[in-house]
Amino acid sequence: MKKQYDLTTLSDKKLRTLRNNLNNRLESFSKGGEKNLPPSHMLHGLDDGECKALLERVHSEMKNRSK
């Protein structure tokens, strides 16, 4: 299941929240203790690689906004 995220429409606060959620999710993947997220969670269905790719996009968007 491929989710599409339009990061340009997110507020700065939502973008930071997404970044934090992604960092926490990637940490849980690396420790092997990841939980099954409920379908309502914004990261539901994303695997390790998809989380890393989305985190790179979030960092890029945050960098663009700081200019």
Protein backbone atom coordinates (compact mmCIF):
# COMPACT_ATOMS: atom_id res chain seq x y z
CA MET A 1 0.00 0.00 0.00
CA LYS A 2 1.63 3.22 -1.20
CA LYS A 3 0.56 6.38 0.60
CA GLN A 4 1.06 9.78 -0.94
CA TYR A 5 2.12 12.67 1.25
CA ASP A 6 1.92 16.26 0.04
CA LEU A 7 4.39 17.75 2.45
CA THR A 8 3.91 21.28 1.12
CA THR A 9 0.40 21.39 2.58
CA LEU A 10 1.46 20.40 6.10
CA SER A 11 2.00 23.07 8.73
CA ASP A 12 5.45 23.40 10.26
CA LYS A 13 4.17 21.76 13.44
CA LYS A 14 2.69 18.78 11.55
CA LEU A 15 5.92 18.43 9.59
CA ARG A 16 7.97 18.30 12.81
CA THR A 17 5.52 15.77 14.26
CA LEU A 18 5.87 13.61 11.15
CA ARG A 19 9.67 13.83 11.40
CA ASN A 20 9.57 12.75 15.04
CA ASN A 21 7.16 9.89 14.30
CA LEU A 22 9.40 8.69 11.46
CA ASN A 23 12.51 8.82 13.64
CA ASN A 24 10.75 6.85 16.36
CA ARG A 25 9.43 4.31 13.85
CA LEU A 26 12.87 3.81 12.28
CA GLU A 27 14.39 3.34 15.73
CA SER A 28 11.82 0.66 16.53
CA PHE A 29 12.54 -1.06 13.20
CA SER A 30 16.25 -1.13 14.02
CA LYS A 31 15.60 -2.63 17.46
CA GLY A 32 13.23 -5.23 16.01
CA GLY A 33 10.38 -4.24 18.30
CA GLU A 34 8.10 -2.42 15.88
CA LYS A 35 4.40 -2.46 16.68
CA ASN A 36 1.56 -2.94 14.24
CA LEU A 37 0.12 0.52 13.81
CA PRO A 38 -3.64 1.05 13.64
CA PRO A 39 -5.03 1.87 10.18
CA SER A 40 -5.75 5.44 11.30
CA HIS A 41 -2.05 6.10 12.01
CA MET A 42 -0.32 8.23 9.40
CA LEU A 43 2.58 5.73 9.07
CA HIS A 44 0.40 2.61 8.88
CA GLY A 45 1.59 0.23 6.18
CA LEU A 46 5.00 1.80 5.64
CA ASP A 47 8.05 -0.43 5.83
CA ASP A 48 11.60 0.52 6.82
CA GLY A 49 12.65 1.71 3.35
CA GLU A 50 9.52 3.77 2.82
CA CYS A 51 9.97 5.46 6.20
CA LYS A 52 13.59 6.36 5.33
CA ALA A 53 12.55 7.78 1.95
CA LEU A 54 9.75 9.82 3.52
CA LEU A 55 12.11 11.10 6.23
CA GLU A 56 14.50 12.34 3.52
CA ARG A 57 11.60 14.18 1.85
CA VAL A 58 10.60 15.70 5.20
CA HIS A 59 14.15 16.91 5.84
CA SER A 60 14.27 18.40 2.35
CA GLU A 61 10.96 20.22 2.85
CA MET A 62 12.08 21.55 6.23
CA LYS A 63 15.32 22.81 4.68
CA ASN A 64 13.37 24.54 1.87
CA ARG A 65 11.14 26.28 4.39
CA SER A 66 14.06 27.58 6.42
CA LYS A 67 15.48 29.53 3.47
